[in-house]
Amino acid sequence: MTHPYENMGPEAYWKSAVAEPGAHGLTGLWSPKFQIKPNHRIVTAGSCFAQHIGNALANRGYQWVDCEPAPPFVLGQEARHYGYGVFSFRTGNIYTPSILLQWLELAYGLREEVREIWEKNGRFYDPLRPAIEPGGFASEDEVWAARAVTYASLRKAVETANVFVFTLGLTERWMNRETGLEYALCPGTVAGTFDSSVHAFSNATTRQTMRALTKSLKLLKSKNPKIKVLLTVSPVPLTATASGKHVLTATQYSKSVLRAVAGQAAEDFWFVDYFPSFEIITHPIFRGMFFAPNMRSVVPEGVNTVMSHFFADQQRTFGGDKKQAAKVAIPIIAESEEQDIKCEEELLHAFAPRT
């Protein structure tokens, strides 16, 4: 051998791995580090795209775990409307690694509780998840009681999960200058009152994002030594940006940071893996075919393709029932389910100027 490229397989070369097979012939995009079995307890959290993964796994017979189910008198779509059954606990969307860390530290008593509640028209809202109770809570005591239930559900999820799936969504965030509390949404959008002297915008750097994700991963592992973590990056663009940049370039910055950090975490920790759902949806080889006309929402065919690669690569690496693996070509998510994906950031669209 005169150089390393002589003995590399076809997957290492663009022509044989991408150009010749084309968008629908790609294989081997993921080499999973650990097996994910149907009987594993799978917990999902993160941005709105994490819901696609949770739905797809549940529909395939995998054990997606709901640690904070709705009360028996709240059923079906009403339950989802109130944030139940969307993720494995009722946190609403967790867009940034720093918010994930904040939730974990609060749930385990590792961070001092900030007694901040938003009020609107006599109703009360949790600043960590203002959209989960659309009409607000009746009292401040109800906010804290509900928060306590979610803390317990989060602890249960972490301590009993075999696999924790986290989808990174954003780098942009709003924080309280004095307390450091990070909000799920900008104050004044859903509830609360925006005050520039109190509320600060921050666009997390690669270093800040890596630090928060690393602390989160170490905390997860300390509470459950057997846990495995699967990271993904949401392919869904920003609804709006407060960075002062064009929303297209702001999106590219955010996703680039998140993709780099997720990949680095998978390199740094043996119990962490990265699954390329972001690349499958957004790469130019797919020519945007997996986005709806608004070029933001992911269509069911895109989710089906993502999960087809997920199951095929798991089967290729670890073996299993080939007949079962072949079934992944069947659409996994229906159009009605697609429309029910909860994405709290989309609420910002209401403030766009009318043209």
Protein backbone atom coordinates (compact mmCIF):
# COMPACT_ATOMS: atom_id res chain seq x y z
CA MET A 1 0.00 0.00 0.00
CA THR A 2 1.44 3.36 -1.04
CA HIS A 3 -1.21 5.57 0.65
CA PRO A 4 -4.35 5.18 2.84
CA TYR A 5 -6.86 5.84 0.04
CA GLU A 6 -6.00 2.62 -1.80
CA ASN A 7 -7.96 0.30 0.49
CA MET A 8 -10.93 2.47 1.44
CA GLY A 9 -14.41 1.19 0.70
CA PRO A 10 -16.89 2.74 -1.74
CA GLU A 11 -18.56 4.68 1.09
CA ALA A 12 -15.46 6.89 1.31
CA TYR A 13 -15.83 8.28 -2.20
CA TRP A 14 -18.47 10.78 -3.31
CA LYS A 15 -19.02 9.22 -6.73
CA SER A 16 -19.68 5.69 -5.51
CA ALA A 17 -21.34 6.64 -2.20
CA VAL A 18 -23.54 9.56 -3.25
CA ALA A 19 -23.59 10.52 -6.94
CA GLU A 20 -24.18 7.05 -8.36
CA PRO A 21 -26.78 5.70 -5.87
CA GLY A 22 -28.61 9.05 -5.74
CA ALA A 23 -30.91 10.34 -3.03
CA HIS A 24 -33.00 7.17 -2.77
CA GLY A 25 -30.10 4.74 -2.97
CA LEU A 26 -27.96 5.99 -0.10
CA THR A 27 -26.95 3.38 2.45
CA GLY A 28 -24.77 3.16 5.51
CA LEU A 29 -25.12 6.81 6.56
CA TRP A 30 -24.88 5.84 10.22
CA SER A 31 -22.66 3.36 12.03
CA PRO A 32 -24.41 3.12 15.40
CA LYS A 33 -22.28 2.71 18.51
CA PHE A 34 -24.91 0.79 20.46
CA GLN A 35 -27.98 -1.25 19.73
CA ILE A 36 -31.44 0.15 20.41
CA LYS A 37 -33.92 -2.64 20.97
CA PRO A 38 -37.74 -2.52 20.98
CA ASN A 39 -37.80 -3.47 24.68
CA HIS A 40 -35.47 -0.63 25.68
CA ARG A 41 -37.03 2.21 27.60
CA ILE A 42 -36.62 5.18 25.25
CA VAL A 43 -37.00 8.74 26.50
CA THR A 44 -37.25 11.70 24.11
CA ALA A 45 -36.74 15.41 24.71
CA GLY A 46 -35.67 18.49 22.78
CA SER A 47 -36.94 20.51 19.87
CA CYS A 48 -40.04 19.78 17.84
CA PHE A 49 -38.28 17.27 15.57
CA ALA A 50 -37.75 14.98 18.59
CA GLN A 51 -41.50 14.35 18.45
CA HIS A 52 -41.13 12.81 15.00
CA ILE A 53 -38.56 10.37 16.36
CA GLY A 54 -40.67 9.50 19.38
CA ASN A 55 -43.79 8.97 17.26
CA ALA A 56 -41.91 6.84 14.73
CA LEU A 57 -40.35 4.62 17.38
CA ALA A 58 -43.68 4.15 19.15
CA ASN A 59 -45.41 3.32 15.87
CA ARG A 60 -42.74 0.69 15.17
CA GLY A 61 -43.46 -1.03 18.48
CA TYR A 62 -40.52 0.39 20.40
CA GLN A 63 -41.01 1.25 24.07
CA TRP A 64 -41.23 5.01 24.03
CA VAL A 65 -41.75 6.01 27.66
CA ASP A 66 -44.23 8.63 28.85
CA CYS A 67 -43.26 9.43 32.44
CA GLU A 68 -45.87 12.17 32.85
CA PRO A 69 -49.12 10.91 31.32
CA ALA A 70 -52.21 13.07 31.20
CA PRO A 71 -54.83 12.82 33.94
CA PRO A 72 -57.56 10.29 33.06
CA PHE A 73 -60.07 13.05 32.34
CA VAL A 74 -57.82 14.70 29.71
CA LEU A 75 -57.85 12.64 26.54
CA GLY A 76 -56.54 12.57 22.98
CA GLN A 77 -55.78 15.84 21.26
CA GLU A 78 -56.78 17.83 24.33
CA ALA A 79 -54.00 16.09 26.26
CA ARG A 80 -51.43 17.01 23.60
CA HIS A 81 -52.80 20.54 23.59
CA TYR A 82 -51.78 20.73 27.24
CA GLY A 83 -48.32 19.28 26.66
CA TYR A 84 -48.99 15.67 27.63
CA GLY A 85 -47.64 12.80 25.53
CA VAL A 86 -45.51 15.14 23.42
CA PHE A 87 -42.20 14.35 25.09
CA SER A 88 -41.43 11.89 27.88
CA PHE A 89 -42.14 14.61 30.43
CA ARG A 90 -44.19 17.79 30.31
CA THR A 91 -41.40 20.31 29.76
CA GLY A 92 -42.54 21.43 26.35
CA ASN A 93 -39.81 22.03 23.79
CA ILE A 94 -36.25 22.08 25.13
CA TYR A 95 -34.44 23.90 22.36
CA THR A 96 -30.94 24.44 23.77
CA PRO A 97 -28.48 22.28 25.73
CA SER A 98 -28.38 25.02 28.37
CA ILE A 99 -32.14 24.70 28.95
CA LEU A 100 -31.74 20.92 29.21
CA LEU A 101 -29.04 21.48 31.84
CA GLN A 102 -31.26 23.98 33.65
CA TRP A 103 -34.14 21.48 33.81
CA LEU A 104 -31.86 18.69 35.03
CA GLU A 105 -30.22 20.81 37.72
CA LEU A 106 -33.54 22.16 38.95
CA ALA A 107 -35.10 18.69 39.03
CA TYR A 108 -32.22 17.36 41.12
CA GLY A 109 -31.94 20.38 43.40
CA LEU A 110 -28.53 21.36 42.01
CA ARG A 111 -29.62 24.89 41.11
CA GLU A 112 -31.46 27.42 43.21
CA GLU A 113 -35.10 27.81 42.21
CA VAL A 114 -35.92 31.25 40.80
CA ARG A 115 -39.37 32.27 41.98
CA GLU A 116 -40.43 33.94 38.77
CA ILE A 117 -43.89 33.55 37.28
CA TRP A 118 -45.46 35.40 34.37
CA GLU A 119 -48.95 36.86 34.64
CA LYS A 120 -51.40 37.75 31.88
CA ASN A 121 -55.06 38.71 32.26
CA GLY A 122 -55.24 37.26 35.74
CA ARG A 123 -53.75 33.91 34.69
CA PHE A 124 -50.30 32.58 35.56
CA TYR A 125 -47.62 31.06 33.30
CA ASP A 126 -44.45 29.06 33.89
CA PRO A 127 -41.54 30.91 32.19
CA LEU A 128 -39.79 27.60 31.59
CA ARG A 129 -42.74 26.30 29.54
CA PRO A 130 -45.33 29.04 29.01
CA ALA A 131 -47.14 27.22 26.20
CA ILE A 132 -47.99 23.96 28.00
CA GLU A 133 -51.02 25.50 29.73
CA PRO A 134 -52.56 27.55 26.88
CA GLY A 135 -54.97 29.47 29.12
CA GLY A 136 -52.54 29.80 31.98
CA PHE A 137 -52.79 28.42 35.50
CA ALA A 138 -55.38 29.67 37.96
CA SER A 139 -52.81 30.56 40.63
CA GLU A 140 -49.09 30.74 41.33
CA ASP A 141 -49.41 27.73 43.61
CA GLU A 142 -50.72 25.70 40.65
CA VAL A 143 -47.64 26.67 38.62
CA TRP A 144 -45.27 25.42 41.30
CA ALA A 145 -47.31 22.26 41.95
CA ALA A 146 -47.25 21.40 38.26
CA ARG A 147 -43.52 22.15 38.08
CA ALA A 148 -42.89 19.75 40.98
CA VAL A 149 -44.74 16.97 39.15
CA THR A 150 -42.59 17.50 36.07
CA TYR A 151 -39.40 17.50 38.13
CA ALA A 152 -40.38 14.09 39.53
CA SER A 153 -41.28 12.82 36.05
CA LEU A 154 -37.95 14.02 34.67
CA ARG A 155 -36.05 12.26 37.43
CA LYS A 156 -37.99 9.05 36.80
CA ALA A 157 -37.30 9.27 33.07
CA VAL A 158 -33.57 9.77 33.56
CA GLU A 159 -33.16 7.06 36.17
CA THR A 160 -35.14 4.36 34.33
CA ALA A 161 -34.21 5.05 30.69
CA ASN A 162 -32.06 2.78 28.59
CA VAL A 163 -31.79 5.41 25.85
CA PHE A 164 -32.21 9.18 26.17
CA VAL A 165 -32.83 10.81 22.78
CA PHE A 166 -32.16 14.54 22.73
CA THR A 167 -32.68 16.76 19.68
CA LEU A 168 -30.76 20.03 19.69
CA GLY A 169 -32.75 22.83 18.09
CA LEU A 170 -31.42 26.36 18.68
CA THR A 171 -28.54 28.45 19.94
CA GLU A 172 -30.60 31.65 20.37
CA ARG A 173 -32.00 32.18 23.85
CA TRP A 174 -33.49 34.75 26.24
CA MET A 175 -32.31 35.05 29.82
CA ASN A 176 -32.87 37.05 32.97
CA ARG A 177 -29.85 39.33 33.45
CA GLU A 178 -29.97 39.15 37.23
CA THR A 179 -30.88 35.54 37.97
CA GLY A 180 -29.50 33.79 34.88
CA LEU A 181 -32.81 31.98 34.36
CA GLU A 182 -33.15 30.91 30.73
CA TYR A 183 -36.63 31.15 29.26
CA ALA A 184 -38.31 28.80 26.82
CA LEU A 185 -39.57 31.80 24.82
CA CYS A 186 -38.96 35.52 24.82
CA PRO A 187 -40.93 37.27 27.61
CA GLY A 188 -43.89 39.17 26.22
CA THR A 189 -44.62 36.77 23.37
CA VAL A 190 -46.90 34.21 25.00
CA ALA A 191 -47.10 35.89 28.39
CA GLY A 192 -45.11 38.09 30.70
CA THR A 193 -43.79 41.57 29.96
CA PHE A 194 -40.58 42.24 28.10
CA ASP A 195 -38.13 44.58 29.82
CA SER A 196 -34.82 45.22 28.07
CA SER A 197 -33.21 46.14 31.40
CA VAL A 198 -34.09 42.69 32.78
CA HIS A 199 -34.23 40.39 29.77
CA ALA A 200 -31.16 39.73 27.63
CA PHE A 201 -30.75 38.00 24.28
CA SER A 202 -27.86 35.57 23.88
CA ASN A 203 -26.73 33.56 20.88
CA ALA A 204 -24.67 30.75 22.36
CA THR A 205 -21.19 30.15 21.02
CA THR A 206 -19.78 26.73 20.19
CA ARG A 207 -17.85 26.77 23.47
CA GLN A 208 -20.90 27.69 25.56
CA THR A 209 -23.05 25.09 23.83
CA MET A 210 -20.43 22.38 24.30
CA ARG A 211 -20.03 23.24 27.97
CA ALA A 212 -23.77 22.98 28.63
CA LEU A 213 -24.14 19.73 26.70
CA THR A 214 -21.13 18.17 28.42
CA LYS A 215 -22.48 19.05 31.87
CA SER A 216 -25.88 17.63 30.91
CA LEU A 217 -24.38 14.37 29.68
CA LYS A 218 -22.26 13.94 32.80
CA LEU A 219 -25.27 14.63 35.01
CA LEU A 220 -27.39 12.09 33.12
CA LYS A 221 -24.66 9.48 33.50
CA SER A 222 -24.21 10.20 37.21
CA LYS A 223 -27.92 9.58 37.84
CA ASN A 224 -28.12 6.49 35.62
CA PRO A 225 -24.79 4.73 34.97
CA LYS A 226 -26.42 2.45 32.35
CA ILE A 227 -27.96 5.22 30.26
CA LYS A 228 -27.10 5.69 26.57
CA VAL A 229 -27.68 9.02 24.84
CA LEU A 230 -28.57 9.49 21.19
CA LEU A 231 -28.15 13.04 19.91
CA THR A 232 -29.77 14.51 16.83
CA VAL A 233 -29.99 18.01 15.41
CA SER A 234 -33.30 19.40 14.28
CA PRO A 235 -33.40 20.20 10.55
CA VAL A 236 -36.24 22.69 11.12
CA PRO A 237 -35.12 26.29 10.41
CA LEU A 238 -35.66 29.13 12.86
CA THR A 239 -39.09 30.73 12.77
CA ALA A 240 -37.55 34.08 13.66
CA THR A 241 -34.20 35.42 14.79
CA ALA A 242 -33.31 38.16 17.28
CA SER A 243 -29.65 38.12 16.24
CA GLY A 244 -29.91 41.05 13.82
CA LYS A 245 -28.93 38.73 10.97
CA HIS A 246 -31.05 37.43 8.13
CA VAL A 247 -33.06 34.45 9.38
CA LEU A 248 -31.46 32.18 6.74
CA THR A 249 -27.89 32.89 7.82
CA ALA A 250 -28.93 32.89 11.49
CA THR A 251 -30.36 29.41 10.97
CA GLN A 252 -27.16 28.21 9.32
CA TYR A 253 -25.06 29.50 12.22
CA SER A 254 -27.28 27.86 14.81
CA LYS A 255 -27.41 24.49 13.09
CA SER A 256 -23.69 24.50 12.35
CA VAL A 257 -22.84 25.06 16.02
CA LEU A 258 -25.26 22.37 17.16
CA ARG A 259 -24.06 19.84 14.60
CA ALA A 260 -20.42 20.43 15.54
CA VAL A 261 -21.15 20.11 19.25
CA ALA A 262 -23.27 16.97 18.86
CA GLY A 263 -20.55 15.32 16.79
CA GLN A 264 -17.86 16.27 19.28
CA ALA A 265 -19.90 14.89 22.19
CA ALA A 266 -20.27 11.59 20.35
CA GLU A 267 -16.48 11.50 19.95
CA ASP A 268 -15.84 12.41 23.59
CA PHE A 269 -18.23 10.02 25.36
CA TRP A 270 -18.52 6.30 24.74
CA PHE A 271 -22.18 6.26 25.82
CA VAL A 272 -23.18 9.05 23.40
CA ASP A 273 -23.96 8.62 19.70
CA TYR A 274 -25.04 10.97 16.94
CA PHE A 275 -27.71 10.06 14.37
CA PRO A 276 -27.67 12.12 11.13
CA SER A 277 -31.35 12.98 10.75
CA PHE A 278 -30.28 16.59 10.12
CA GLU A 279 -28.15 15.62 7.14
CA ILE A 280 -30.80 13.33 5.69
CA ILE A 281 -33.40 16.11 5.63
CA THR A 282 -31.22 19.09 4.67
CA HIS A 283 -28.43 17.81 2.42
CA PRO A 284 -28.46 19.13 -1.19
CA ILE A 285 -28.58 15.54 -2.53
CA PHE A 286 -32.24 15.50 -1.46
CA ARG A 287 -32.99 18.81 -3.25
CA GLY A 288 -35.32 20.03 -0.50
CA MET A 289 -37.84 17.28 -1.24
CA PHE A 290 -38.50 16.63 2.45
CA PHE A 291 -39.69 20.15 3.23
CA ALA A 292 -43.23 21.45 2.82
CA PRO A 293 -43.76 24.50 0.54
CA ASN A 294 -42.89 26.81 3.45
CA MET A 295 -39.37 25.23 3.36
CA ARG A 296 -39.56 24.75 7.11
CA SER A 297 -41.96 21.95 8.04
CA VAL A 298 -40.72 18.42 7.44
CA VAL A 299 -43.20 16.30 5.46
CA PRO A 300 -44.06 12.71 6.47
CA GLU A 301 -41.96 11.28 3.64
CA GLY A 302 -38.92 12.95 5.18
CA VAL A 303 -39.58 11.43 8.59
CA ASN A 304 -40.13 8.05 6.96
CA THR A 305 -36.80 8.31 5.13
CA VAL A 306 -34.97 9.33 8.30
CA MET A 307 -36.35 6.41 10.26
CA SER A 308 -35.78 3.99 7.37
CA HIS A 309 -32.08 4.78 7.65
CA PHE A 310 -32.29 4.48 11.43
CA PHE A 311 -33.73 0.96 11.38
CA ALA A 312 -31.71 -0.22 8.37
CA ASP A 313 -28.41 0.85 9.91
CA GLN A 314 -29.29 -0.69 13.26
CA GLN A 315 -30.10 -3.95 11.47
CA ARG A 316 -26.96 -3.81 9.32
CA THR A 317 -24.75 -3.27 12.37
CA PHE A 318 -26.36 -5.51 14.96
CA GLY A 319 -28.45 -7.94 12.92
CA GLY A 320 -32.07 -8.75 13.52
CA ASP A 321 -35.20 -9.66 11.64
CA LYS A 322 -34.66 -8.60 8.02
CA LYS A 323 -38.39 -8.90 7.30
CA GLN A 324 -39.10 -6.52 10.16
CA ALA A 325 -36.39 -4.13 8.96
CA ALA A 326 -37.86 -4.13 5.46
CA LYS A 327 -41.15 -2.78 6.80
CA VAL A 328 -39.60 0.62 7.43
CA ALA A 329 -40.48 1.60 3.86
CA ILE A 330 -44.11 1.84 4.98
CA PRO A 331 -45.01 5.47 5.89
CA ILE A 332 -44.47 5.85 9.62
CA ILE A 333 -46.36 9.03 10.31
CA ALA A 334 -49.66 10.18 8.88
CA GLU A 335 -50.35 13.68 7.61
CA SER A 336 -52.72 14.37 10.49
CA GLU A 337 -50.02 13.44 12.98
CA GLU A 338 -47.50 15.61 11.15
CA GLN A 339 -49.75 18.64 11.58
CA ASP A 340 -50.02 17.95 15.31
CA ILE A 341 -46.30 18.34 16.00
CA LYS A 342 -45.89 20.86 18.81
CA CYS A 343 -43.34 23.54 18.01
CA GLU A 344 -43.58 26.43 20.46
CA GLU A 345 -41.10 28.56 18.52
CA GLU A 346 -43.69 28.82 15.73
CA LEU A 347 -45.68 31.13 18.01
CA LEU A 348 -43.16 33.83 17.09
CA HIS A 349 -44.57 33.90 13.56
CA ALA A 350 -47.57 35.80 14.92
CA PHE A 351 -45.32 38.83 15.40
CA ALA A 352 -44.03 38.94 11.82
CA PRO A 353 -44.90 42.13 9.89
CA ARG A 354 -47.81 41.76 7.50
CA THR A 355 -47.05 42.19 3.82
